[in-house]
Amino acid sequence: MPKERHGDLDYLVDILDWEANVDPDFAAKRFMRPRPAQPEEEMSRAGYAEHWICYRSDAFSAKRLVVQPQKTVTVKDGGAYGLIVLQGHGKLGGWMWRRRR
């Protein structure tokens, strides 16, 4: 959003793609079924499941990682990494984290 338009709610509403958002076939045209990042059996033996959940963009992507209890997993990606923890606890590099209730 251009700096001079910050706080301009009319501008924000005008840039939404209303046609796409009210398309009755929205899901059929845009749904991305999660795709395994590695062979399923290989991930299961290693104690995790990793799936691409957003992959149709050249600008960004997203994966879901589920680590089985009492397992340690090393995941390497070739770009910047963000993390959202939905449940559980663990360690990422030198950082400890625990989801609070």
PDB file of N, CA and C in Angstrom:
ATOM      1  N   MET A   1       0.851  -1.167   0.000  1.00  0.00           N
ATOM      2  CA  MET A   1       0.000   0.000   0.000  1.00  0.00           C
ATOM      3  C   MET A   1       0.897   1.230   0.000  1.00  0.00           C
ATOM      4  N   PRO A   2       0.666   2.157  -0.896  1.00  0.00           N
ATOM      5  CA  PRO A   2       1.493   3.374  -0.916  1.00  0.00           C
ATOM      6  C   PRO A   2       1.390   4.129   0.410  1.00  0.00           C
ATOM      7  N   LYS A   3       2.483   4.696   0.843  1.00  0.00           N
ATOM      8  CA  LYS A   3       2.527   5.379   2.135  1.00  0.00           C
ATOM      9  C   LYS A   3       1.454   6.454   2.245  1.00  0.00           C
ATOM     10  N   GLU A   4       1.223   7.196   1.148  1.00  0.00           N
ATOM     11  CA  GLU A   4       0.231   8.276   1.189  1.00  0.00           C
ATOM     12  C   GLU A   4      -1.207   7.751   1.314  1.00  0.00           C
ATOM     13  N   ARG A   5      -1.410   6.437   1.138  1.00  0.00           N
ATOM     14  CA  ARG A   5      -2.759   5.863   1.249  1.00  0.00           C
ATOM     15  C   ARG A   5      -2.979   5.123   2.578  1.00  0.00           C
ATOM     16  N   HIS A   6      -1.975   5.123   3.450  1.00  0.00           N
ATOM     17  CA  HIS A   6      -2.132   4.464   4.752  1.00  0.00           C
ATOM     18  C   HIS A   6      -3.341   5.055   5.477  1.00  0.00           C
ATOM     19  N   GLY A   7      -4.177   4.198   6.004  1.00  0.00           N
ATOM     20  CA  GLY A   7      -5.371   4.640   6.716  1.00  0.00           C
ATOM     21  C   GLY A   7      -6.563   4.906   5.808  1.00  0.00           C
ATOM     22  N   ASP A   8      -6.392   4.812   4.504  1.00  0.00           N
ATOM     23  CA  ASP A   8      -7.476   5.054   3.537  1.00  0.00           C
ATOM     24  C   ASP A   8      -8.213   3.737   3.286  1.00  0.00           C
ATOM     25  N   LEU A   9      -9.265   3.506   4.051  1.00  0.00           N
ATOM     26  CA  LEU A   9      -9.994   2.242   3.956  1.00  0.00           C
ATOM     27  C   LEU A   9     -10.708   2.083   2.617  1.00  0.00           C
ATOM     28  N   ASP A  10     -11.150   3.171   2.012  1.00  0.00           N
ATOM     29  CA  ASP A  10     -11.783   3.080   0.695  1.00  0.00           C
ATOM     30  C   ASP A  10     -10.790   2.554  -0.338  1.00  0.00           C
ATOM     31  N   TYR A  11      -9.564   3.027  -0.293  1.00  0.00           N
ATOM     32  CA  TYR A  11      -8.526   2.537  -1.206  1.00  0.00           C
ATOM     33  C   TYR A  11      -8.313   1.042  -0.999  1.00  0.00           C
ATOM     34  N   LEU A  12      -8.242   0.622   0.255  1.00  0.00           N
ATOM     35  CA  LEU A  12      -8.023  -0.784   0.578  1.00  0.00           C
ATOM     36  C   LEU A  12      -9.144  -1.656   0.013  1.00  0.00           C
ATOM     37  N   VAL A  13     -10.383  -1.249   0.177  1.00  0.00           N
ATOM     38  CA  VAL A  13     -11.520  -2.010  -0.354  1.00  0.00           C
ATOM     39  C   VAL A  13     -11.494  -2.028  -1.881  1.00  0.00           C
ATOM     40  N   ASP A  14     -11.084  -0.921  -2.499  1.00  0.00           N
ATOM     41  CA  ASP A  14     -11.041  -0.837  -3.967  1.00  0.00           C
ATOM     42  C   ASP A  14     -10.010  -1.766  -4.599  1.00  0.00           C
ATOM     43  N   ILE A  15      -8.935  -2.119  -3.879  1.00  0.00           N
ATOM     44  CA  ILE A  15      -7.918  -2.964  -4.491  1.00  0.00           C
ATOM     45  C   ILE A  15      -8.225  -4.459  -4.368  1.00  0.00           C
ATOM     46  N   LEU A  16      -9.281  -4.811  -3.632  1.00  0.00           N
ATOM     47  CA  LEU A  16      -9.678  -6.220  -3.542  1.00  0.00           C
ATOM     48  C   LEU A  16     -10.228  -6.703  -4.876  1.00  0.00           C
ATOM     49  N   ASP A  17      -9.959  -7.946  -5.204  1.00  0.00           N
ATOM     50  CA  ASP A  17     -10.472  -8.552  -6.431  1.00  0.00           C
ATOM     51  C   ASP A  17     -11.842  -9.158  -6.105  1.00  0.00           C
ATOM     52  N   TRP A  18     -12.881  -8.330  -6.200  1.00  0.00           N
ATOM     53  CA  TRP A  18     -14.224  -8.761  -5.814  1.00  0.00           C
ATOM     54  C   TRP A  18     -14.730  -9.896  -6.681  1.00  0.00           C
ATOM     55  N   GLU A  19     -14.448  -9.856  -7.979  1.00  0.00           N
ATOM     56  CA  GLU A  19     -14.916 -10.924  -8.877  1.00  0.00           C
ATOM     57  C   GLU A  19     -14.365 -12.277  -8.442  1.00  0.00           C
ATOM     58  N   ALA A  20     -13.091 -12.326  -8.117  1.00  0.00           N
ATOM     59  CA  ALA A  20     -12.487 -13.593  -7.676  1.00  0.00           C
ATOM     60  C   ALA A  20     -13.073 -14.044  -6.344  1.00  0.00           C
ATOM     61  N   ASN A  21     -13.336 -13.110  -5.449  1.00  0.00           N
ATOM     62  CA  ASN A  21     -13.810 -13.469  -4.110  1.00  0.00           C
ATOM     63  C   ASN A  21     -15.266 -13.892  -4.058  1.00  0.00           C
ATOM     64  N   VAL A  22     -16.054 -13.564  -5.070  1.00  0.00           N
ATOM     65  CA  VAL A  22     -17.452 -14.004  -5.083  1.00  0.00           C
ATOM     66  C   VAL A  22     -17.683 -15.083  -6.144  1.00  0.00           C
ATOM     67  N   ASP A  23     -16.616 -15.588  -6.729  1.00  0.00           N
ATOM     68  CA  ASP A  23     -16.705 -16.642  -7.733  1.00  0.00           C
ATOM     69  C   ASP A  23     -17.246 -17.920  -7.087  1.00  0.00           C
ATOM     70  N   PRO A  24     -18.387 -18.451  -7.561  1.00  0.00           N
ATOM     71  CA  PRO A  24     -18.930 -19.670  -6.964  1.00  0.00           C
ATOM     72  C   PRO A  24     -18.019 -20.879  -7.161  1.00  0.00           C
ATOM     73  N   ASP A  25     -17.093 -20.823  -8.103  1.00  0.00           N
ATOM     74  CA  ASP A  25     -16.143 -21.913  -8.331  1.00  0.00           C
ATOM     75  C   ASP A  25     -14.764 -21.584  -7.761  1.00  0.00           C
ATOM     76  N   PHE A  26     -14.736 -20.707  -6.766  1.00  0.00           N
ATOM     77  CA  PHE A  26     -13.463 -20.261  -6.187  1.00  0.00           C
ATOM     78  C   PHE A  26     -12.585 -21.443  -5.788  1.00  0.00           C
ATOM     79  N   ALA A  27     -13.117 -22.377  -5.019  1.00  0.00           N
ATOM     80  CA  ALA A  27     -12.311 -23.506  -4.529  1.00  0.00           C
ATOM     81  C   ALA A  27     -11.860 -24.401  -5.674  1.00  0.00           C
ATOM     82  N   ALA A  28     -12.746 -24.673  -6.621  1.00  0.00           N
ATOM     83  CA  ALA A  28     -12.382 -25.546  -7.748  1.00  0.00           C
ATOM     84  C   ALA A  28     -11.249 -24.942  -8.571  1.00  0.00           C
ATOM     85  N   LYS A  29     -11.206 -23.647  -8.680  1.00  0.00           N
ATOM     86  CA  LYS A  29     -10.187 -22.983  -9.493  1.00  0.00           C
ATOM     87  C   LYS A  29      -8.895 -22.695  -8.731  1.00  0.00           C
ATOM     88  N   ARG A  30      -8.972 -22.601  -7.405  1.00  0.00           N
ATOM     89  CA  ARG A  30      -7.804 -22.119  -6.658  1.00  0.00           C
ATOM     90  C   ARG A  30      -7.307 -23.029  -5.538  1.00  0.00           C
ATOM     91  N   PHE A  31      -8.056 -24.062  -5.190  1.00  0.00           N
ATOM     92  CA  PHE A  31      -7.649 -24.941  -4.080  1.00  0.00           C
ATOM     93  C   PHE A  31      -6.349 -25.660  -4.421  1.00  0.00           C
ATOM     94  N   MET A  32      -5.429 -25.694  -3.466  1.00  0.00           N
ATOM     95  CA  MET A  32      -4.167 -26.407  -3.631  1.00  0.00           C
ATOM     96  C   MET A  32      -4.142 -27.559  -2.627  1.00  0.00           C
ATOM     97  N   ARG A  33      -4.316 -28.769  -3.135  1.00  0.00           N
ATOM     98  CA  ARG A  33      -4.239 -29.946  -2.266  1.00  0.00           C
ATOM     99  C   ARG A  33      -2.796 -30.062  -1.763  1.00  0.00           C
ATOM    100  N   PRO A  34      -2.599 -30.279  -0.459  1.00  0.00           N
ATOM    101  CA  PRO A  34      -1.233 -30.418   0.053  1.00  0.00           C
ATOM    102  C   PRO A  34      -0.470 -31.517  -0.695  1.00  0.00           C
ATOM    103  N   ARG A  35       0.800 -31.228  -1.006  1.00  0.00           N
ATOM    104  CA  ARG A  35       1.655 -32.183  -1.715  1.00  0.00           C
ATOM    105  C   ARG A  35       2.841 -32.558  -0.829  1.00  0.00           C
ATOM    106  N   PRO A  36       3.148 -33.832  -0.745  1.00  0.00           N
ATOM    107  CA  PRO A  36       4.292 -34.241   0.076  1.00  0.00           C
ATOM    108  C   PRO A  36       5.583 -33.587  -0.412  1.00  0.00           C
ATOM    109  N   ALA A  37       6.409 -33.134   0.527  1.00  0.00           N
ATOM    110  CA  ALA A  37       7.683 -32.524   0.183  1.00  0.00           C
ATOM    111  C   ALA A  37       8.741 -33.589  -0.092  1.00  0.00           C
ATOM    112  N   GLN A  38       8.545 -34.758   0.448  1.00  0.00           N
ATOM    113  CA  GLN A  38       9.430 -35.915   0.267  1.00  0.00           C
ATOM    114  C   GLN A  38       8.532 -37.146   0.123  1.00  0.00           C
ATOM    115  N   PRO A  39       9.076 -38.298  -0.256  1.00  0.00           N
ATOM    116  CA  PRO A  39       8.249 -39.509  -0.293  1.00  0.00           C
ATOM    117  C   PRO A  39       7.629 -39.794   1.077  1.00  0.00           C
ATOM    118  N   GLU A  40       6.323 -40.092   1.093  1.00  0.00           N
ATOM    119  CA  GLU A  40       5.576 -40.283   2.355  1.00  0.00           C
ATOM    120  C   GLU A  40       6.212 -41.337   3.260  1.00  0.00           C
ATOM    121  N   GLU A  41       6.571 -42.488   2.715  1.00  0.00           N
ATOM    122  CA  GLU A  41       7.150 -43.568   3.534  1.00  0.00           C
ATOM    123  C   GLU A  41       8.475 -43.148   4.162  1.00  0.00           C
ATOM    124  N   GLU A  42       9.278 -42.432   3.394  1.00  0.00           N
ATOM    125  CA  GLU A  42      10.576 -41.955   3.890  1.00  0.00           C
ATOM    126  C   GLU A  42      10.384 -40.998   5.066  1.00  0.00           C
ATOM    127  N   MET A  43       9.433 -40.071   4.936  1.00  0.00           N
ATOM    128  CA  MET A  43       9.179 -39.116   6.021  1.00  0.00           C
ATOM    129  C   MET A  43       8.630 -39.829   7.250  1.00  0.00           C
ATOM    130  N   SER A  44       7.720 -40.770   7.052  1.00  0.00           N
ATOM    131  CA  SER A  44       7.128 -41.496   8.173  1.00  0.00           C
ATOM    132  C   SER A  44       8.196 -42.249   8.963  1.00  0.00           C
ATOM    133  N   ARG A  45       9.115 -42.917   8.266  1.00  0.00           N
ATOM    134  CA  ARG A  45      10.203 -43.638   8.948  1.00  0.00           C
ATOM    135  C   ARG A  45      11.104 -42.680   9.722  1.00  0.00           C
ATOM    136  N   ALA A  46      11.269 -41.461   9.194  1.00  0.00           N
ATOM    137  CA  ALA A  46      12.125 -40.473   9.858  1.00  0.00           C
ATOM    138  C   ALA A  46      11.412 -39.739  10.992  1.00  0.00           C
ATOM    139  N   GLY A  47      10.083 -39.918  11.125  1.00  0.00           N
ATOM    140  CA  GLY A  47       9.362 -39.331  12.252  1.00  0.00           C
ATOM    141  C   GLY A  47       8.695 -37.997  11.983  1.00  0.00           C
ATOM    142  N   TYR A  48       8.411 -37.707  10.726  1.00  0.00           N
ATOM    143  CA  TYR A  48       7.759 -36.440  10.433  1.00  0.00           C
ATOM    144  C   TYR A  48       6.933 -36.536   9.159  1.00  0.00           C
ATOM    145  N   ALA A  49       6.145 -35.499   8.922  1.00  0.00           N
ATOM    146  CA  ALA A  49       5.400 -35.343   7.669  1.00  0.00           C
ATOM    147  C   ALA A  49       5.528 -33.878   7.257  1.00  0.00           C
ATOM    148  N   GLU A  50       5.927 -33.637   6.024  1.00  0.00           N
ATOM    149  CA  GLU A  50       6.110 -32.282   5.522  1.00  0.00           C
ATOM    150  C   GLU A  50       5.377 -32.165   4.187  1.00  0.00           C
ATOM    151  N   HIS A  51       4.469 -31.198   4.105  1.00  0.00           N
ATOM    152  CA  HIS A  51       3.670 -31.027   2.889  1.00  0.00           C
ATOM    153  C   HIS A  51       3.687 -29.578   2.425  1.00  0.00           C
ATOM    154  N   TRP A  52       3.797 -29.395   1.107  1.00  0.00           N
ATOM    155  CA  TRP A  52       3.618 -28.074   0.514  1.00  0.00           C
ATOM    156  C   TRP A  52       2.141 -27.739   0.582  1.00  0.00           C
ATOM    157  N   ILE A  53       1.784 -26.595   1.147  1.00  0.00           N
ATOM    158  CA  ILE A  53       0.379 -26.203   1.224  1.00  0.00           C
ATOM    159  C   ILE A  53       0.090 -24.944   0.414  1.00  0.00           C
ATOM    160  N   CYS A  54       1.127 -24.270  -0.039  1.00  0.00           N
ATOM    161  CA  CYS A  54       0.970 -23.108  -0.916  1.00  0.00           C
ATOM    162  C   CYS A  54       2.150 -23.128  -1.875  1.00  0.00           C
ATOM    163  N   TYR A  55       1.873 -23.328  -3.169  1.00  0.00           N
ATOM    164  CA  TYR A  55       2.976 -23.543  -4.098  1.00  0.00           C
ATOM    165  C   TYR A  55       2.733 -22.992  -5.499  1.00  0.00           C
ATOM    166  N   ARG A  56       1.708 -22.211  -5.706  1.00  0.00           N
ATOM    167  CA  ARG A  56       1.417 -21.680  -7.034  1.00  0.00           C
ATOM    168  C   ARG A  56       1.905 -20.251  -7.239  1.00  0.00           C
ATOM    169  N   SER A  57       2.838 -19.809  -6.448  1.00  0.00           N
ATOM    170  CA  SER A  57       3.326 -18.433  -6.537  1.00  0.00           C
ATOM    171  C   SER A  57       4.832 -18.427  -6.746  1.00  0.00           C
ATOM    172  N   ASP A  58       5.302 -17.484  -7.538  1.00  0.00           N
ATOM    173  CA  ASP A  58       6.737 -17.291  -7.686  1.00  0.00           C
ATOM    174  C   ASP A  58       7.299 -16.439  -6.545  1.00  0.00           C
ATOM    175  N   ALA A  59       6.417 -15.799  -5.768  1.00  0.00           N
ATOM    176  CA  ALA A  59       6.848 -14.865  -4.727  1.00  0.00           C
ATOM    177  C   ALA A  59       6.936 -15.495  -3.334  1.00  0.00           C
ATOM    178  N   PHE A  60       6.157 -16.540  -3.057  1.00  0.00           N
ATOM    179  CA  PHE A  60       6.147 -17.136  -1.725  1.00  0.00           C
ATOM    180  C   PHE A  60       5.677 -18.576  -1.800  1.00  0.00           C
ATOM    181  N   SER A  61       5.879 -19.307  -0.731  1.00  0.00           N
ATOM    182  CA  SER A  61       5.398 -20.675  -0.599  1.00  0.00           C
ATOM    183  C   SER A  61       5.197 -20.961   0.875  1.00  0.00           C
ATOM    184  N   ALA A  62       4.568 -22.092   1.166  1.00  0.00           N
ATOM    185  CA  ALA A  62       4.364 -22.467   2.566  1.00  0.00           C
ATOM    186  C   ALA A  62       4.329 -23.982   2.673  1.00  0.00           C
ATOM    187  N   LYS A  63       4.879 -24.483   3.785  1.00  0.00           N
ATOM    188  CA  LYS A  63       4.842 -25.908   4.059  1.00  0.00           C
ATOM    189  C   LYS A  63       4.296 -26.131   5.468  1.00  0.00           C
ATOM    190  N   ARG A  64       3.703 -27.299   5.650  1.00  0.00           N
ATOM    191  CA  ARG A  64       3.245 -27.730   6.977  1.00  0.00           C
ATOM    192  C   ARG A  64       4.185 -28.852   7.405  1.00  0.00           C
ATOM    193  N   LEU A  65       4.730 -28.748   8.606  1.00  0.00           N
ATOM    194  CA  LEU A  65       5.633 -29.756   9.149  1.00  0.00           C
ATOM    195  C   LEU A  65       5.041 -30.292  10.443  1.00  0.00           C
ATOM    196  N   VAL A  66       4.860 -31.595  10.505  1.00  0.00           N
ATOM    197  CA  VAL A  66       4.376 -32.251  11.718  1.00  0.00           C
ATOM    198  C   VAL A  66       5.457 -33.234  12.152  1.00  0.00           C
ATOM    199  N   VAL A  67       5.982 -33.035  13.358  1.00  0.00           N
ATOM    200  CA  VAL A  67       7.019 -33.905  13.902  1.00  0.00           C
ATOM    201  C   VAL A  67       6.375 -34.819  14.935  1.00  0.00           C
ATOM    202  N   GLN A  68       6.636 -36.114  14.814  1.00  0.00           N
ATOM    203  CA  GLN A  68       6.074 -37.073  15.759  1.00  0.00           C
ATOM    204  C   GLN A  68       6.695 -36.870  17.142  1.00  0.00           C
ATOM    205  N   PRO A  69       5.945 -37.186  18.203  1.00  0.00           N
ATOM    206  CA  PRO A  69       6.470 -37.020  19.567  1.00  0.00           C
ATOM    207  C   PRO A  69       7.789 -37.767  19.757  1.00  0.00           C
ATOM    208  N   GLN A  70       8.674 -37.163  20.504  1.00  0.00           N
ATOM    209  CA  GLN A  70       9.975 -37.722  20.858  1.00  0.00           C
ATOM    210  C   GLN A  70      10.905 -37.925  19.665  1.00  0.00           C
ATOM    211  N   LYS A  71      10.641 -37.252  18.547  1.00  0.00           N
ATOM    212  CA  LYS A  71      11.492 -37.356  17.356  1.00  0.00           C
ATOM    213  C   LYS A  71      12.262 -36.059  17.149  1.00  0.00           C
ATOM    214  N   THR A  72      13.396 -36.147  16.519  1.00  0.00           N
ATOM    215  CA  THR A  72      14.207 -35.002  16.135  1.00  0.00           C
ATOM    216  C   THR A  72      14.293 -34.988  14.619  1.00  0.00           C
ATOM    217  N   VAL A  73      14.056 -33.839  14.038  1.00  0.00           N
ATOM    218  CA  VAL A  73      14.045 -33.720  12.585  1.00  0.00           C
ATOM    219  C   VAL A  73      14.906 -32.536  12.176  1.00  0.00           C
ATOM    220  N   THR A  74      15.681 -32.706  11.117  1.00  0.00           N
ATOM    221  CA  THR A  74      16.438 -31.613  10.539  1.00  0.00           C
ATOM    222  C   THR A  74      15.831 -31.304   9.177  1.00  0.00           C
ATOM    223  N   VAL A  75      15.362 -30.084   9.019  1.00  0.00           N
ATOM    224  CA  VAL A  75      14.753 -29.641   7.768  1.00  0.00           C
ATOM    225  C   VAL A  75      15.617 -28.526   7.216  1.00  0.00           C
ATOM    226  N   LYS A  76      15.980 -28.625   5.950  1.00  0.00           N
ATOM    227  CA  LYS A  76      16.802 -27.602   5.312  1.00  0.00           C
ATOM    228  C   LYS A  76      16.063 -27.067   4.098  1.00  0.00           C
ATOM    229  N   ASP A  77      15.957 -25.758   4.024  1.00  0.00           N
ATOM    230  CA  ASP A  77      15.345 -25.096   2.880  1.00  0.00           C
ATOM    231  C   ASP A  77      16.331 -24.085   2.333  1.00  0.00           C
ATOM    232  N   GLY A  78      16.192 -23.780   1.051  1.00  0.00           N
ATOM    233  CA  GLY A  78      17.143 -22.906   0.401  1.00  0.00           C
ATOM    234  C   GLY A  78      16.812 -21.427   0.448  1.00  0.00           C
ATOM    235  N   GLY A  79      15.891 -21.013   1.311  1.00  0.00           N
ATOM    236  CA  GLY A  79      15.524 -19.605   1.363  1.00  0.00           C
ATOM    237  C   GLY A  79      15.225 -19.163   2.780  1.00  0.00           C
ATOM    238  N   ALA A  80      14.671 -17.970   2.870  1.00  0.00           N
ATOM    239  CA  ALA A  80      14.280 -17.425   4.179  1.00  0.00           C
ATOM    240  C   ALA A  80      13.233 -18.340   4.802  1.00  0.00           C
ATOM    241  N   TYR A  81      13.161 -18.342   6.119  1.00  0.00           N
ATOM    242  CA  TYR A  81      12.288 -19.278   6.820  1.00  0.00           C
ATOM    243  C   TYR A  81      11.527 -18.553   7.913  1.00  0.00           C
ATOM    244  N   GLY A  82      10.233 -18.731   7.954  1.00  0.00           N
ATOM    245  CA  GLY A  82       9.400 -18.239   9.039  1.00  0.00           C
ATOM    246  C   GLY A  82       8.740 -19.433   9.690  1.00  0.00           C
ATOM    247  N   LEU A  83       8.355 -19.310  10.943  1.00  0.00           N
ATOM    248  CA  LEU A  83       7.802 -20.443  11.673  1.00  0.00           C
ATOM    249  C   LEU A  83       6.599 -19.993  12.485  1.00  0.00           C
ATOM    250  N   ILE A  84       5.521 -20.752  12.387  1.00  0.00           N
ATOM    251  CA  ILE A  84       4.346 -20.536  13.225  1.00  0.00           C
ATOM    252  C   ILE A  84       4.091 -21.859  13.937  1.00  0.00           C
ATOM    253  N   VAL A  85       4.110 -21.843  15.258  1.00  0.00           N
ATOM    254  CA  VAL A  85       3.895 -23.053  16.046  1.00  0.00           C
ATOM    255  C   VAL A  85       2.442 -23.094  16.483  1.00  0.00           C
ATOM    256  N   LEU A  86       1.753 -24.168  16.134  1.00  0.00           N
ATOM    257  CA  LEU A  86       0.350 -24.295  16.503  1.00  0.00           C
ATOM    258  C   LEU A  86       0.160 -25.091  17.784  1.00  0.00           C
ATOM    259  N   GLN A  87       1.027 -26.058  18.035  1.00  0.00           N
ATOM    260  CA  GLN A  87       0.941 -26.793  19.290  1.00  0.00           C
ATOM    261  C   GLN A  87       2.262 -27.487  19.551  1.00  0.00           C
ATOM    262  N   GLY A  88       2.479 -27.850  20.798  1.00  0.00           N
ATOM    263  CA  GLY A  88       3.686 -28.573  21.165  1.00  0.00           C
ATOM    264  C   GLY A  88       4.805 -27.673  21.639  1.00  0.00           C
ATOM    265  N   HIS A  89       5.995 -28.244  21.679  1.00  0.00           N
ATOM    266  CA  HIS A  89       7.186 -27.520  22.102  1.00  0.00           C
ATOM    267  C   HIS A  89       8.393 -28.157  21.443  1.00  0.00           C
ATOM    268  N   GLY A  90       9.507 -27.452  21.449  1.00  0.00           N
ATOM    269  CA  GLY A  90      10.704 -27.988  20.832  1.00  0.00           C
ATOM    270  C   GLY A  90      11.797 -26.961  20.733  1.00  0.00           C
ATOM    271  N   LYS A  91      12.753 -27.221  19.844  1.00  0.00           N
ATOM    272  CA  LYS A  91      13.904 -26.356  19.688  1.00  0.00           C
ATOM    273  C   LYS A  91      14.132 -26.156  18.195  1.00  0.00           C
ATOM    274  N   LEU A  92      14.396 -24.923  17.814  1.00  0.00           N
ATOM    275  CA  LEU A  92      14.734 -24.584  16.437  1.00  0.00           C
ATOM    276  C   LEU A  92      16.092 -23.897  16.481  1.00  0.00           C
ATOM    277  N   GLY A  93      17.113 -24.592  16.000  1.00  0.00           N
ATOM    278  CA  GLY A  93      18.461 -24.057  16.153  1.00  0.00           C
ATOM    279  C   GLY A  93      18.762 -23.923  17.638  1.00  0.00           C
ATOM    280  N   GLY A  94      19.138 -22.748  18.077  1.00  0.00           N
ATOM    281  CA  GLY A  94      19.402 -22.514  19.494  1.00  0.00           C
ATOM    282  C   GLY A  94      18.203 -21.980  20.253  1.00  0.00           C
ATOM    283  N   TRP A  95      17.070 -21.839  19.577  1.00  0.00           N
ATOM    284  CA  TRP A  95      15.888 -21.238  20.193  1.00  0.00           C
ATOM    285  C   TRP A  95      14.951 -22.317  20.730  1.00  0.00           C
ATOM    286  N   MET A  96      14.531 -22.146  21.966  1.00  0.00           N
ATOM    287  CA  MET A  96      13.528 -23.035  22.558  1.00  0.00           C
ATOM    288  C   MET A  96      12.179 -22.358  22.419  1.00  0.00           C
ATOM    289  N   TRP A  97      11.131 -23.113  22.146  1.00  0.00           N
ATOM    290  CA  TRP A  97       9.794 -22.536  22.064  1.00  0.00           C
ATOM    291  C   TRP A  97       8.779 -23.487  22.642  1.00  0.00           C
ATOM    292  N   ARG A  98       7.747 -22.909  23.165  1.00  0.00           N
ATOM    293  CA  ARG A  98       6.636 -23.662  23.729  1.00  0.00           C
ATOM    294  C   ARG A  98       5.373 -22.871  23.451  1.00  0.00           C
ATOM    295  N   ARG A  99       4.394 -23.520  22.895  1.00  0.00           N
ATOM    296  CA  ARG A  99       3.118 -22.855  22.640  1.00  0.00           C
ATOM    297  C   ARG A  99       2.421 -22.628  23.973  1.00  0.00           C
ATOM    298  N   ARG A 100       1.977 -21.400  24.196  1.00  0.00           N
ATOM    299  CA  ARG A 100       1.252 -21.073  25.434  1.00  0.00           C
ATOM    300  C   ARG A 100      -0.232 -21.179  25.190  1.00  0.00           C
ATOM    301  N   ARG A 101      -0.943 -21.570  26.209  1.00  0.00           N
ATOM    302  CA  ARG A 101      -2.410 -21.703  26.087  1.00  0.00           C
ATOM    303  C   ARG A 101      -3.091 -20.487  26.611  1.00  0.00           C
TER     304      ARG A 101
END
